[in-house]
Amino acid sequence: MLKNFTARALSLSGLLSVLLGTLAGPALADQIVSVKTAKLELFAKPDDDKALLVVAPAGLPWAIKEERNAYFKVQVQGKEVWVDAMQVTVLRDSSDKCPPKAQAQVGVPDVVAASPGAAATRCR
């Protein structure tokens, strides 16, 4: 019971620090903010059958360096390892590519037969 509480407290504190950092600072890259198990298997390469290490999650959030085959490459305990995406919660960096309202095009008609969101006025 205490281990579960500690793991949840660590993941909540990691999530809180990421959220506060997002509000206070520049945009962040994708990060692992919590782990869904008490012990996390770390792999030498994606799709590996055998775990390189099994660790208790500490030092969250972890910056994601690469993503391949539903695995995330992160640095843990000074080593670059791969984490199974199904075992973690990720906070994704997202932003629109819309210009400030003063620079937005005015009077440009929407494209009717195109991909959703492809219109020139999608940012209004």
PDB file of N, CA and C in Angstrom:
ATOM      1  N   MET A   1       0.824  -1.192   0.000  1.00  0.00           N
ATOM      2  CA  MET A   1       0.000   0.000   0.000  1.00  0.00           C
ATOM      3  C   MET A   1       0.870   1.259   0.000  1.00  0.00           C
ATOM      4  N   LEU A   2       1.914   1.269   0.843  1.00  0.00           N
ATOM      5  CA  LEU A   2       2.799   2.432   0.918  1.00  0.00           C
ATOM      6  C   LEU A   2       3.571   2.621  -0.379  1.00  0.00           C
ATOM      7  N   LYS A   3       4.014   1.513  -1.008  1.00  0.00           N
ATOM      8  CA  LYS A   3       4.737   1.605  -2.282  1.00  0.00           C
ATOM      9  C   LYS A   3       3.849   2.216  -3.351  1.00  0.00           C
ATOM     10  N   ASN A   4       2.586   1.775  -3.407  1.00  0.00           N
ATOM     11  CA  ASN A   4       1.641   2.297  -4.390  1.00  0.00           C
ATOM     12  C   ASN A   4       1.411   3.787  -4.163  1.00  0.00           C
ATOM     13  N   PHE A   5       1.259   4.190  -2.888  1.00  0.00           N
ATOM     14  CA  PHE A   5       1.072   5.599  -2.578  1.00  0.00           C
ATOM     15  C   PHE A   5       2.294   6.417  -2.992  1.00  0.00           C
ATOM     16  N   THR A   6       3.487   5.897  -2.712  1.00  0.00           N
ATOM     17  CA  THR A   6       4.727   6.598  -3.072  1.00  0.00           C
ATOM     18  C   THR A   6       4.845   6.748  -4.581  1.00  0.00           C
ATOM     19  N   ALA A   7       4.540   5.685  -5.334  1.00  0.00           N
ATOM     20  CA  ALA A   7       4.610   5.748  -6.796  1.00  0.00           C
ATOM     21  C   ALA A   7       3.627   6.776  -7.336  1.00  0.00           C
ATOM     22  N   ARG A   8       2.415   6.804  -6.767  1.00  0.00           N
ATOM     23  CA  ARG A   8       1.421   7.785  -7.222  1.00  0.00           C
ATOM     24  C   ARG A   8       1.858   9.207  -6.872  1.00  0.00           C
ATOM     25  N   ALA A   9       2.424   9.391  -5.683  1.00  0.00           N
ATOM     26  CA  ALA A   9       2.884  10.713  -5.287  1.00  0.00           C
ATOM     27  C   ALA A   9       4.001  11.189  -6.208  1.00  0.00           C
ATOM     28  N   LEU A  10       4.919  10.281  -6.567  1.00  0.00           N
ATOM     29  CA  LEU A  10       5.997  10.644  -7.481  1.00  0.00           C
ATOM     30  C   LEU A  10       5.443  11.036  -8.844  1.00  0.00           C
ATOM     31  N   SER A  11       4.484  10.247  -9.349  1.00  0.00           N
ATOM     32  CA  SER A  11       3.949  10.554 -10.673  1.00  0.00           C
ATOM     33  C   SER A  11       3.130  11.847 -10.645  1.00  0.00           C
ATOM     34  N   LEU A  12       2.403  12.099  -9.566  1.00  0.00           N
ATOM     35  CA  LEU A  12       1.648  13.342  -9.468  1.00  0.00           C
ATOM     36  C   LEU A  12       2.577  14.545  -9.344  1.00  0.00           C
ATOM     37  N   SER A  13       3.664  14.389  -8.584  1.00  0.00           N
ATOM     38  CA  SER A  13       4.596  15.509  -8.461  1.00  0.00           C
ATOM     39  C   SER A  13       5.288  15.776  -9.785  1.00  0.00           C
ATOM     40  N   GLY A  14       5.605  14.711 -10.543  1.00  0.00           N
ATOM     41  CA  GLY A  14       6.206  14.888 -11.860  1.00  0.00           C
ATOM     42  C   GLY A  14       5.258  15.593 -12.805  1.00  0.00           C
ATOM     43  N   LEU A  15       3.997  15.189 -12.802  1.00  0.00           N
ATOM     44  CA  LEU A  15       2.995  15.818 -13.659  1.00  0.00           C
ATOM     45  C   LEU A  15       2.797  17.280 -13.261  1.00  0.00           C
ATOM     46  N   LEU A  16       2.736  17.541 -11.974  1.00  0.00           N
ATOM     47  CA  LEU A  16       2.560  18.906 -11.513  1.00  0.00           C
ATOM     48  C   LEU A  16       3.735  19.785 -11.920  1.00  0.00           C
ATOM     49  N   SER A  17       4.957  19.260 -11.783  1.00  0.00           N
ATOM     50  CA  SER A  17       6.110  20.072 -12.163  1.00  0.00           C
ATOM     51  C   SER A  17       6.124  20.351 -13.661  1.00  0.00           C
ATOM     52  N   VAL A  18       5.680  19.385 -14.465  1.00  0.00           N
ATOM     53  CA  VAL A  18       5.620  19.600 -15.911  1.00  0.00           C
ATOM     54  C   VAL A  18       4.569  20.641 -16.250  1.00  0.00           C
ATOM     55  N   LEU A  19       3.398  20.543 -15.618  1.00  0.00           N
ATOM     56  CA  LEU A  19       2.335  21.501 -15.896  1.00  0.00           C
ATOM     57  C   LEU A  19       2.731  22.904 -15.460  1.00  0.00           C
ATOM     58  N   LEU A  20       3.331  23.037 -14.303  1.00  0.00           N
ATOM     59  CA  LEU A  20       3.768  24.348 -13.846  1.00  0.00           C
ATOM     60  C   LEU A  20       4.877  24.887 -14.728  1.00  0.00           C
ATOM     61  N   GLY A  21       5.771  24.018 -15.160  1.00  0.00           N
ATOM     62  CA  GLY A  21       6.839  24.440 -16.062  1.00  0.00           C
ATOM     63  C   GLY A  21       6.280  24.900 -17.392  1.00  0.00           C
ATOM     64  N   THR A  22       5.229  24.259 -17.871  1.00  0.00           N
ATOM     65  CA  THR A  22       4.609  24.635 -19.132  1.00  0.00           C
ATOM     66  C   THR A  22       3.986  26.023 -19.022  1.00  0.00           C
ATOM     67  N   LEU A  23       3.358  26.306 -17.879  1.00  0.00           N
ATOM     68  CA  LEU A  23       2.739  27.615 -17.700  1.00  0.00           C
ATOM     69  C   LEU A  23       3.781  28.714 -17.538  1.00  0.00           C
ATOM     70  N   ALA A  24       4.902  28.368 -16.913  1.00  0.00           N
ATOM     71  CA  ALA A  24       5.879  29.398 -16.582  1.00  0.00           C
ATOM     72  C   ALA A  24       6.947  29.595 -17.646  1.00  0.00           C
ATOM     73  N   GLY A  25       7.213  28.590 -18.447  1.00  0.00           N
ATOM     74  CA  GLY A  25       8.359  28.697 -19.335  1.00  0.00           C
ATOM     75  C   GLY A  25       8.028  28.398 -20.779  1.00  0.00           C
ATOM     76  N   PRO A  26       9.067  28.193 -21.590  1.00  0.00           N
ATOM     77  CA  PRO A  26       8.873  27.913 -23.007  1.00  0.00           C
ATOM     78  C   PRO A  26       8.265  26.530 -23.216  1.00  0.00           C
ATOM     79  N   ALA A  27       7.863  26.261 -24.451  1.00  0.00           N
ATOM     80  CA  ALA A  27       7.251  24.976 -24.789  1.00  0.00           C
ATOM     81  C   ALA A  27       8.225  23.829 -24.520  1.00  0.00           C
ATOM     82  N   LEU A  28       7.697  22.733 -24.005  1.00  0.00           N
ATOM     83  CA  LEU A  28       8.499  21.561 -23.684  1.00  0.00           C
ATOM     84  C   LEU A  28       8.341  20.507 -24.759  1.00  0.00           C
ATOM     85  N   ALA A  29       9.308  19.633 -24.874  1.00  0.00           N
ATOM     86  CA  ALA A  29       9.199  18.494 -25.774  1.00  0.00           C
ATOM     87  C   ALA A  29       8.318  17.439 -25.105  1.00  0.00           C
ATOM     88  N   ASP A  30       7.977  16.383 -25.839  1.00  0.00           N
ATOM     89  CA  ASP A  30       7.192  15.304 -25.261  1.00  0.00           C
ATOM     90  C   ASP A  30       7.945  14.701 -24.083  1.00  0.00           C
ATOM     91  N   GLN A  31       7.203  14.375 -23.013  1.00  0.00           N
ATOM     92  CA  GLN A  31       7.818  13.851 -21.806  1.00  0.00           C
ATOM     93  C   GLN A  31       7.002  12.729 -21.206  1.00  0.00           C
ATOM     94  N   ILE A  32       7.684  11.769 -20.588  1.00  0.00           N
ATOM     95  CA  ILE A  32       7.029  10.745 -19.786  1.00  0.00           C
ATOM     96  C   ILE A  32       6.840  11.355 -18.404  1.00  0.00           C
ATOM     97  N   VAL A  33       5.581  11.439 -17.963  1.00  0.00           N
ATOM     98  CA  VAL A  33       5.288  12.101 -16.699  1.00  0.00           C
ATOM     99  C   VAL A  33       4.876  11.147 -15.596  1.00  0.00           C
ATOM    100  N   SER A  34       4.458   9.920 -15.943  1.00  0.00           N
ATOM    101  CA  SER A  34       4.125   8.937 -14.912  1.00  0.00           C
ATOM    102  C   SER A  34       4.260   7.537 -15.483  1.00  0.00           C
ATOM    103  N   VAL A  35       4.319   6.586 -14.559  1.00  0.00           N
ATOM    104  CA  VAL A  35       4.493   5.180 -14.918  1.00  0.00           C
ATOM    105  C   VAL A  35       3.307   4.409 -14.364  1.00  0.00           C
ATOM    106  N   LYS A  36       2.782   3.453 -15.117  1.00  0.00           N
ATOM    107  CA  LYS A  36       1.574   2.730 -14.729  1.00  0.00           C
ATOM    108  C   LYS A  36       1.843   1.514 -13.854  1.00  0.00           C
ATOM    109  N   THR A  37       3.107   1.184 -13.602  1.00  0.00           N
ATOM    110  CA  THR A  37       3.465   0.032 -12.783  1.00  0.00           C
ATOM    111  C   THR A  37       4.450   0.457 -11.696  1.00  0.00           C
ATOM    112  N   ALA A  38       4.608  -0.379 -10.654  1.00  0.00           N
ATOM    113  CA  ALA A  38       5.545  -0.067  -9.575  1.00  0.00           C
ATOM    114  C   ALA A  38       6.986  -0.179 -10.052  1.00  0.00           C
ATOM    115  N   LYS A  39       7.266  -1.153 -10.891  1.00  0.00           N
ATOM    116  CA  LYS A  39       8.604  -1.353 -11.470  1.00  0.00           C
ATOM    117  C   LYS A  39       8.472  -1.246 -12.981  1.00  0.00           C
ATOM    118  N   LEU A  40       9.446  -0.605 -13.600  1.00  0.00           N
ATOM    119  CA  LEU A  40       9.402  -0.368 -15.039  1.00  0.00           C
ATOM    120  C   LEU A  40      10.541  -1.098 -15.729  1.00  0.00           C
ATOM    121  N   GLU A  41      10.215  -1.840 -16.774  1.00  0.00           N
ATOM    122  CA  GLU A  41      11.233  -2.528 -17.560  1.00  0.00           C
ATOM    123  C   GLU A  41      11.844  -1.563 -18.568  1.00  0.00           C
ATOM    124  N   LEU A  42      13.157  -1.522 -18.620  1.00  0.00           N
ATOM    125  CA  LEU A  42      13.891  -0.695 -19.575  1.00  0.00           C
ATOM    126  C   LEU A  42      14.622  -1.626 -20.534  1.00  0.00           C
ATOM    127  N   PHE A  43      14.564  -1.303 -21.826  1.00  0.00           N
ATOM    128  CA  PHE A  43      15.110  -2.186 -22.851  1.00  0.00           C
ATOM    129  C   PHE A  43      16.290  -1.535 -23.563  1.00  0.00           C
ATOM    130  N   ALA A  44      17.199  -2.360 -24.065  1.00  0.00           N
ATOM    131  CA  ALA A  44      18.365  -1.873 -24.803  1.00  0.00           C
ATOM    132  C   ALA A  44      17.959  -1.374 -26.185  1.00  0.00           C
ATOM    133  N   LYS A  45      16.920  -1.981 -26.762  1.00  0.00           N
ATOM    134  CA  LYS A  45      16.435  -1.576 -28.071  1.00  0.00           C
ATOM    135  C   LYS A  45      14.931  -1.831 -28.130  1.00  0.00           C
ATOM    136  N   PRO A  46      14.218  -1.154 -29.032  1.00  0.00           N
ATOM    137  CA  PRO A  46      12.772  -1.388 -29.138  1.00  0.00           C
ATOM    138  C   PRO A  46      12.489  -2.824 -29.569  1.00  0.00           C
ATOM    139  N   ASP A  47      11.391  -3.357 -29.122  1.00  0.00           N
ATOM    140  CA  ASP A  47      10.954  -4.715 -29.457  1.00  0.00           C
ATOM    141  C   ASP A  47      11.885  -5.799 -28.915  1.00  0.00           C
ATOM    142  N   ASP A  48      12.684  -5.469 -27.913  1.00  0.00           N
ATOM    143  CA  ASP A  48      13.570  -6.462 -27.306  1.00  0.00           C
ATOM    144  C   ASP A  48      12.734  -7.400 -26.445  1.00  0.00           C
ATOM    145  N   ASP A  49      13.105  -8.687 -26.415  1.00  0.00           N
ATOM    146  CA  ASP A  49      12.361  -9.663 -25.626  1.00  0.00           C
ATOM    147  C   ASP A  49      12.704  -9.610 -24.142  1.00  0.00           C
ATOM    148  N   LYS A  50      13.930  -9.247 -23.842  1.00  0.00           N
ATOM    149  CA  LYS A  50      14.390  -9.262 -22.466  1.00  0.00           C
ATOM    150  C   LYS A  50      14.771  -7.851 -22.004  1.00  0.00           C
ATOM    151  N   ALA A  51      14.315  -7.502 -20.797  1.00  0.00           N
ATOM    152  CA  ALA A  51      14.602  -6.182 -20.252  1.00  0.00           C
ATOM    153  C   ALA A  51      16.072  -6.070 -19.857  1.00  0.00           C
ATOM    154  N   LEU A  52      16.644  -4.909 -20.134  1.00  0.00           N
ATOM    155  CA  LEU A  52      18.019  -4.609 -19.728  1.00  0.00           C
ATOM    156  C   LEU A  52      18.067  -4.328 -18.224  1.00  0.00           C
ATOM    157  N   LEU A  53      17.107  -3.547 -17.749  1.00  0.00           N
ATOM    158  CA  LEU A  53      16.988  -3.182 -16.338  1.00  0.00           C
ATOM    159  C   LEU A  53      15.526  -3.177 -15.931  1.00  0.00           C
ATOM    160  N   VAL A  54      15.281  -3.381 -14.645  1.00  0.00           N
ATOM    161  CA  VAL A  54      13.961  -3.175 -14.074  1.00  0.00           C
ATOM    162  C   VAL A  54      14.161  -2.211 -12.918  1.00  0.00           C
ATOM    163  N   VAL A  55      13.511  -1.038 -12.998  1.00  0.00           N
ATOM    164  CA  VAL A  55      13.747   0.013 -12.011  1.00  0.00           C
ATOM    165  C   VAL A  55      12.427   0.561 -11.473  1.00  0.00           C
ATOM    166  N   ALA A  56      12.526   1.148 -10.280  1.00  0.00           N
ATOM    167  CA  ALA A  56      11.410   1.933  -9.754  1.00  0.00           C
ATOM    168  C   ALA A  56      11.522   3.309 -10.392  1.00  0.00           C
ATOM    169  N   PRO A  57      10.433   3.860 -10.892  1.00  0.00           N
ATOM    170  CA  PRO A  57      10.515   5.164 -11.569  1.00  0.00           C
ATOM    171  C   PRO A  57      10.941   6.263 -10.599  1.00  0.00           C
ATOM    172  N   ALA A  58      11.932   7.028 -11.013  1.00  0.00           N
ATOM    173  CA  ALA A  58      12.407   8.162 -10.220  1.00  0.00           C
ATOM    174  C   ALA A  58      12.921   9.230 -11.175  1.00  0.00           C
ATOM    175  N   GLY A  59      12.863  10.456 -10.760  1.00  0.00           N
ATOM    176  CA  GLY A  59      13.374  11.543 -11.579  1.00  0.00           C
ATOM    177  C   GLY A  59      12.464  11.956 -12.710  1.00  0.00           C
ATOM    178  N   LEU A  60      11.171  11.625 -12.606  1.00  0.00           N
ATOM    179  CA  LEU A  60      10.238  12.031 -13.648  1.00  0.00           C
ATOM    180  C   LEU A  60      10.075  13.541 -13.619  1.00  0.00           C
ATOM    181  N   PRO A  61       9.811  14.187 -14.699  1.00  0.00           N
ATOM    182  CA  PRO A  61       9.541  13.669 -16.044  1.00  0.00           C
ATOM    183  C   PRO A  61      10.832  13.352 -16.802  1.00  0.00           C
ATOM    184  N   TRP A  62      10.707  12.412 -17.751  1.00  0.00           N
ATOM    185  CA  TRP A  62      11.806  12.026 -18.628  1.00  0.00           C
ATOM    186  C   TRP A  62      11.528  12.560 -20.024  1.00  0.00           C
ATOM    187  N   ALA A  63      12.476  13.233 -20.612  1.00  0.00           N
ATOM    188  CA  ALA A  63      12.321  13.752 -21.975  1.00  0.00           C
ATOM    189  C   ALA A  63      12.417  12.598 -22.972  1.00  0.00           C
ATOM    190  N   ILE A  64      11.501  12.559 -23.922  1.00  0.00           N
ATOM    191  CA  ILE A  64      11.518  11.528 -24.967  1.00  0.00           C
ATOM    192  C   ILE A  64      12.431  11.994 -26.083  1.00  0.00           C
ATOM    193  N   LYS A  65      13.443  11.192 -26.384  1.00  0.00           N
ATOM    194  CA  LYS A  65      14.422  11.544 -27.414  1.00  0.00           C
ATOM    195  C   LYS A  65      14.035  10.993 -28.778  1.00  0.00           C
ATOM    196  N   GLU A  66      13.341   9.858 -28.778  1.00  0.00           N
ATOM    197  CA  GLU A  66      12.967   9.206 -30.033  1.00  0.00           C
ATOM    198  C   GLU A  66      11.791   8.286 -29.758  1.00  0.00           C
ATOM    199  N   GLU A  67      11.011   8.003 -30.799  1.00  0.00           N
ATOM    200  CA  GLU A  67       9.863   7.107 -30.682  1.00  0.00           C
ATOM    201  C   GLU A  67       9.917   6.115 -31.834  1.00  0.00           C
ATOM    202  N   ARG A  68       9.836   4.813 -31.506  1.00  0.00           N
ATOM    203  CA  ARG A  68       9.880   3.789 -32.545  1.00  0.00           C
ATOM    204  C   ARG A  68       9.136   2.535 -32.081  1.00  0.00           C
ATOM    205  N   ASN A  69       8.254   2.014 -32.924  1.00  0.00           N
ATOM    206  CA  ASN A  69       7.530   0.762 -32.661  1.00  0.00           C
ATOM    207  C   ASN A  69       6.885   0.732 -31.276  1.00  0.00           C
ATOM    208  N   ALA A  70       6.235   1.803 -30.883  1.00  0.00           N
ATOM    209  CA  ALA A  70       5.541   1.921 -29.591  1.00  0.00           C
ATOM    210  C   ALA A  70       6.496   1.836 -28.413  1.00  0.00           C
ATOM    211  N   TYR A  71       7.722   2.292 -28.607  1.00  0.00           N
ATOM    212  CA  TYR A  71       8.706   2.422 -27.535  1.00  0.00           C
ATOM    213  C   TYR A  71       9.251   3.843 -27.557  1.00  0.00           C
ATOM    214  N   PHE A  72       9.623   4.343 -26.373  1.00  0.00           N
ATOM    215  CA  PHE A  72      10.207   5.671 -26.253  1.00  0.00           C
ATOM    216  C   PHE A  72      11.652   5.557 -25.786  1.00  0.00           C
ATOM    217  N   LYS A  73      12.526   6.308 -26.429  1.00  0.00           N
ATOM    218  CA  LYS A  73      13.925   6.348 -26.013  1.00  0.00           C
ATOM    219  C   LYS A  73      14.083   7.498 -25.020  1.00  0.00           C
ATOM    220  N   VAL A  74      14.588   7.165 -23.812  1.00  0.00           N
ATOM    221  CA  VAL A  74      14.783   8.146 -22.754  1.00  0.00           C
ATOM    222  C   VAL A  74      16.136   7.919 -22.086  1.00  0.00           C
ATOM    223  N   GLN A  75      16.541   8.861 -21.277  1.00  0.00           N
ATOM    224  CA  GLN A  75      17.765   8.685 -20.503  1.00  0.00           C
ATOM    225  C   GLN A  75      17.382   8.476 -19.046  1.00  0.00           C
ATOM    226  N   VAL A  76      17.781   7.312 -18.501  1.00  0.00           N
ATOM    227  CA  VAL A  76      17.481   6.955 -17.121  1.00  0.00           C
ATOM    228  C   VAL A  76      18.776   6.474 -16.475  1.00  0.00           C
ATOM    229  N   GLN A  77      19.081   7.004 -15.326  1.00  0.00           N
ATOM    230  CA  GLN A  77      20.287   6.631 -14.583  1.00  0.00           C
ATOM    231  C   GLN A  77      21.541   6.736 -15.455  1.00  0.00           C
ATOM    232  N   GLY A  78      21.595   7.758 -16.289  1.00  0.00           N
ATOM    233  CA  GLY A  78      22.761   7.996 -17.126  1.00  0.00           C
ATOM    234  C   GLY A  78      22.859   7.116 -18.361  1.00  0.00           C
ATOM    235  N   LYS A  79      21.853   6.274 -18.620  1.00  0.00           N
ATOM    236  CA  LYS A  79      21.875   5.388 -19.789  1.00  0.00           C
ATOM    237  C   LYS A  79      20.704   5.712 -20.708  1.00  0.00           C
ATOM    238  N   GLU A  80      20.944   5.616 -22.018  1.00  0.00           N
ATOM    239  CA  GLU A  80      19.843   5.745 -22.969  1.00  0.00           C
ATOM    240  C   GLU A  80      19.198   4.375 -23.123  1.00  0.00           C
ATOM    241  N   VAL A  81      17.910   4.310 -22.808  1.00  0.00           N
ATOM    242  CA  VAL A  81      17.161   3.052 -22.825  1.00  0.00           C
ATOM    243  C   VAL A  81      15.819   3.279 -23.509  1.00  0.00           C
ATOM    244  N   TRP A  82      15.129   2.185 -23.772  1.00  0.00           N
ATOM    245  CA  TRP A  82      13.813   2.231 -24.400  1.00  0.00           C
ATOM    246  C   TRP A  82      12.759   1.775 -23.402  1.00  0.00           C
ATOM    247  N   VAL A  83      11.610   2.462 -23.418  1.00  0.00           N
ATOM    248  CA  VAL A  83      10.494   2.183 -22.521  1.00  0.00           C
ATOM    249  C   VAL A  83       9.280   1.813 -23.357  1.00  0.00           C
ATOM    250  N   ASP A  84       8.556   0.782 -22.931  1.00  0.00           N
ATOM    251  CA  ASP A  84       7.326   0.376 -23.607  1.00  0.00           C
ATOM    252  C   ASP A  84       6.269   1.471 -23.418  1.00  0.00           C
ATOM    253  N   ALA A  85       5.724   1.973 -24.504  1.00  0.00           N
ATOM    254  CA  ALA A  85       4.754   3.072 -24.459  1.00  0.00           C
ATOM    255  C   ALA A  85       3.484   2.708 -23.691  1.00  0.00           C
ATOM    256  N   MET A  86       3.156   1.432 -23.615  1.00  0.00           N
ATOM    257  CA  MET A  86       1.942   1.009 -22.911  1.00  0.00           C
ATOM    258  C   MET A  86       2.101   1.099 -21.394  1.00  0.00           C
ATOM    259  N   GLN A  87       3.322   1.273 -20.901  1.00  0.00           N
ATOM    260  CA  GLN A  87       3.572   1.288 -19.468  1.00  0.00           C
ATOM    261  C   GLN A  87       3.723   2.686 -18.880  1.00  0.00           C
ATOM    262  N   VAL A  88       3.607   3.711 -19.712  1.00  0.00           N
ATOM    263  CA  VAL A  88       3.845   5.077 -19.243  1.00  0.00           C
ATOM    264  C   VAL A  88       2.763   6.034 -19.726  1.00  0.00           C
ATOM    265  N   THR A  89       2.710   7.189 -19.089  1.00  0.00           N
ATOM    266  CA  THR A  89       1.819   8.271 -19.512  1.00  0.00           C
ATOM    267  C   THR A  89       2.685   9.397 -20.055  1.00  0.00           C
ATOM    268  N   VAL A  90       2.314   9.888 -21.234  1.00  0.00           N
ATOM    269  CA  VAL A  90       3.123  10.896 -21.921  1.00  0.00           C
ATOM    270  C   VAL A  90       2.366  12.210 -21.996  1.00  0.00           C
ATOM    271  N   LEU A  91       3.086  13.287 -21.719  1.00  0.00           N
ATOM    272  CA  LEU A  91       2.553  14.625 -21.928  1.00  0.00           C
ATOM    273  C   LEU A  91       3.119  15.110 -23.246  1.00  0.00           C
ATOM    274  N   ARG A  92       2.243  15.306 -24.225  1.00  0.00           N
ATOM    275  CA  ARG A  92       2.675  15.712 -25.569  1.00  0.00           C
ATOM    276  C   ARG A  92       2.740  17.228 -25.683  1.00  0.00           C
ATOM    277  N   ASP A  93       3.780  17.684 -26.351  1.00  0.00           N
ATOM    278  CA  ASP A  93       3.890  19.103 -26.680  1.00  0.00           C
ATOM    279  C   ASP A  93       2.977  19.339 -27.876  1.00  0.00           C
ATOM    280  N   SER A  94       2.113  20.324 -27.768  1.00  0.00           N
ATOM    281  CA  SER A  94       1.245  20.614 -28.905  1.00  0.00           C
ATOM    282  C   SER A  94       1.083  22.120 -29.046  1.00  0.00           C
ATOM    283  N   SER A  95       0.993  22.530 -30.270  1.00  0.00           N
ATOM    284  CA  SER A  95       0.761  23.942 -30.532  1.00  0.00           C
ATOM    285  C   SER A  95       0.160  24.072 -31.924  1.00  0.00           C
ATOM    286  N   ASP A  96      -0.563  25.138 -32.116  1.00  0.00           N
ATOM    287  CA  ASP A  96      -1.080  25.381 -33.454  1.00  0.00           C
ATOM    288  C   ASP A  96      -0.026  26.155 -34.241  1.00  0.00           C
ATOM    289  N   LYS A  97      -0.164  26.164 -35.509  1.00  0.00           N
ATOM    290  CA  LYS A  97       0.772  26.892 -36.372  1.00  0.00           C
ATOM    291  C   LYS A  97       0.109  28.156 -36.920  1.00  0.00           C
ATOM    292  N   CYS A  98      -0.842  28.659 -36.169  1.00  0.00           N
ATOM    293  CA  CYS A  98      -1.587  29.833 -36.612  1.00  0.00           C
ATOM    294  C   CYS A  98      -0.803  31.105 -36.341  1.00  0.00           C
ATOM    295  N   PRO A  99      -0.849  32.046 -37.264  1.00  0.00           N
ATOM    296  CA  PRO A  99      -0.190  33.338 -37.015  1.00  0.00           C
ATOM    297  C   PRO A  99      -1.013  34.132 -36.008  1.00  0.00           C
ATOM    298  N   PRO A 100      -0.437  35.164 -35.419  1.00  0.00           N
ATOM    299  CA  PRO A 100      -1.229  36.039 -34.547  1.00  0.00           C
ATOM    300  C   PRO A 100      -2.418  36.601 -35.319  1.00  0.00           C
ATOM    301  N   LYS A 101      -3.499  36.910 -34.623  1.00  0.00           N
ATOM    302  CA  LYS A 101      -4.727  37.361 -35.284  1.00  0.00           C
ATOM    303  C   LYS A 101      -4.509  38.552 -36.213  1.00  0.00           C
ATOM    304  N   ALA A 102      -3.619  39.453 -35.863  1.00  0.00           N
ATOM    305  CA  ALA A 102      -3.384  40.634 -36.696  1.00  0.00           C
ATOM    306  C   ALA A 102      -2.817  40.245 -38.060  1.00  0.00           C
ATOM    307  N   GLN A 103      -2.114  39.109 -38.145  1.00  0.00           N
ATOM    308  CA  GLN A 103      -1.506  38.683 -39.399  1.00  0.00           C
ATOM    309  C   GLN A 103      -2.371  37.686 -40.170  1.00  0.00           C
ATOM    310  N   ALA A 104      -3.443  37.205 -39.556  1.00  0.00           N
ATOM    311  CA  ALA A 104      -4.293  36.222 -40.226  1.00  0.00           C
ATOM    312  C   ALA A 104      -4.920  36.826 -41.478  1.00  0.00           C
ATOM    313  N   GLN A 105      -5.093  35.982 -42.489  1.00  0.00           N
ATOM    314  CA  GLN A 105      -5.680  36.457 -43.741  1.00  0.00           C
ATOM    315  C   GLN A 105      -7.164  36.701 -43.557  1.00  0.00           C
ATOM    316  N   VAL A 106      -7.600  37.838 -44.014  1.00  0.00           N
ATOM    317  CA  VAL A 106      -9.001  38.206 -43.902  1.00  0.00           C
ATOM    318  C   VAL A 106      -9.613  38.168 -45.294  1.00  0.00           C
ATOM    319  N   GLY A 107     -10.826  37.630 -45.394  1.00  0.00           N
ATOM    320  CA  GLY A 107     -11.530  37.611 -46.662  1.00  0.00           C
ATOM    321  C   GLY A 107     -11.134  36.465 -47.581  1.00  0.00           C
ATOM    322  N   VAL A 108     -10.367  35.502 -47.108  1.00  0.00           N
ATOM    323  CA  VAL A 108      -9.993  34.347 -47.936  1.00  0.00           C
ATOM    324  C   VAL A 108     -11.063  33.281 -47.751  1.00  0.00           C
ATOM    325  N   PRO A 109     -11.697  32.838 -48.834  1.00  0.00           N
ATOM    326  CA  PRO A 109     -12.752  31.830 -48.696  1.00  0.00           C
ATOM    327  C   PRO A 109     -12.171  30.474 -48.294  1.00  0.00           C
ATOM    328  N   ASP A 110     -12.973  29.703 -47.559  1.00  0.00           N
ATOM    329  CA  ASP A 110     -12.569  28.353 -47.166  1.00  0.00           C
ATOM    330  C   ASP A 110     -12.532  27.442 -48.380  1.00  0.00           C
ATOM    331  N   VAL A 111     -11.619  26.479 -48.367  1.00  0.00           N
ATOM    332  CA  VAL A 111     -11.586  25.437 -49.384  1.00  0.00           C
ATOM    333  C   VAL A 111     -12.650  24.423 -49.001  1.00  0.00           C
ATOM    334  N   VAL A 112     -13.523  24.065 -49.935  1.00  0.00           N
ATOM    335  CA  VAL A 112     -14.640  23.193 -49.605  1.00  0.00           C
ATOM    336  C   VAL A 112     -14.264  21.721 -49.729  1.00  0.00           C
ATOM    337  N   ALA A 113     -13.605  21.320 -50.807  1.00  0.00           N
ATOM    338  CA  ALA A 113     -13.305  19.909 -51.049  1.00  0.00           C
ATOM    339  C   ALA A 113     -11.836  19.631 -50.731  1.00  0.00           C
ATOM    340  N   ALA A 114     -11.515  19.577 -49.453  1.00  0.00           N
ATOM    341  CA  ALA A 114     -10.128  19.323 -49.052  1.00  0.00           C
ATOM    342  C   ALA A 114     -10.118  18.554 -47.746  1.00  0.00           C
ATOM    343  N   SER A 115      -8.960  18.308 -47.257  1.00  0.00           N
ATOM    344  CA  SER A 115      -8.817  17.629 -45.973  1.00  0.00           C
ATOM    345  C   SER A 115      -9.353  18.524 -44.864  1.00  0.00           C
ATOM    346  N   PRO A 116      -9.972  17.934 -43.836  1.00  0.00           N
ATOM    347  CA  PRO A 116     -10.452  18.748 -42.719  1.00  0.00           C
ATOM    348  C   PRO A 116      -9.296  19.530 -42.100  1.00  0.00           C
ATOM    349  N   GLY A 117      -9.529  20.794 -41.842  1.00  0.00           N
ATOM    350  CA  GLY A 117      -8.512  21.635 -41.242  1.00  0.00           C
ATOM    351  C   GLY A 117      -7.530  22.233 -42.214  1.00  0.00           C
ATOM    352  N   ALA A 118      -7.698  21.967 -43.504  1.00  0.00           N
ATOM    353  CA  ALA A 118      -6.748  22.456 -44.497  1.00  0.00           C
ATOM    354  C   ALA A 118      -7.091  23.842 -45.014  1.00  0.00           C
ATOM    355  N   ALA A 119      -8.215  24.378 -44.614  1.00  0.00           N
ATOM    356  CA  ALA A 119      -8.633  25.696 -45.113  1.00  0.00           C
ATOM    357  C   ALA A 119      -7.716  26.795 -44.612  1.00  0.00           C
ATOM    358  N   ALA A 120      -7.616  27.847 -45.388  1.00  0.00           N
ATOM    359  CA  ALA A 120      -6.776  28.988 -45.016  1.00  0.00           C
ATOM    360  C   ALA A 120      -7.300  29.682 -43.771  1.00  0.00           C
ATOM    361  N   THR A 121      -8.586  29.518 -43.479  1.00  0.00           N
ATOM    362  CA  THR A 121      -9.201  30.195 -42.325  1.00  0.00           C
ATOM    363  C   THR A 121      -9.343  29.266 -41.116  1.00  0.00           C
ATOM    364  N   ARG A 122      -8.603  28.176 -41.067  1.00  0.00           N
ATOM    365  CA  ARG A 122      -8.745  27.204 -39.983  1.00  0.00           C
ATOM    366  C   ARG A 122      -8.377  27.768 -38.619  1.00  0.00           C
ATOM    367  N   CYS A 123      -7.597  28.825 -38.583  1.00  0.00           N
ATOM    368  CA  CYS A 123      -7.101  29.379 -37.328  1.00  0.00           C
ATOM    369  C   CYS A 123      -8.027  30.413 -36.712  1.00  0.00           C
ATOM    370  N   ARG A 124      -9.134  30.733 -37.316  1.00  0.00           N
ATOM    371  CA  ARG A 124     -10.025  31.771 -36.774  1.00  0.00           C
ATOM    372  C   ARG A 124     -10.774  31.283 -35.583  1.00  0.00           C
TER     373      ARG A 124
END
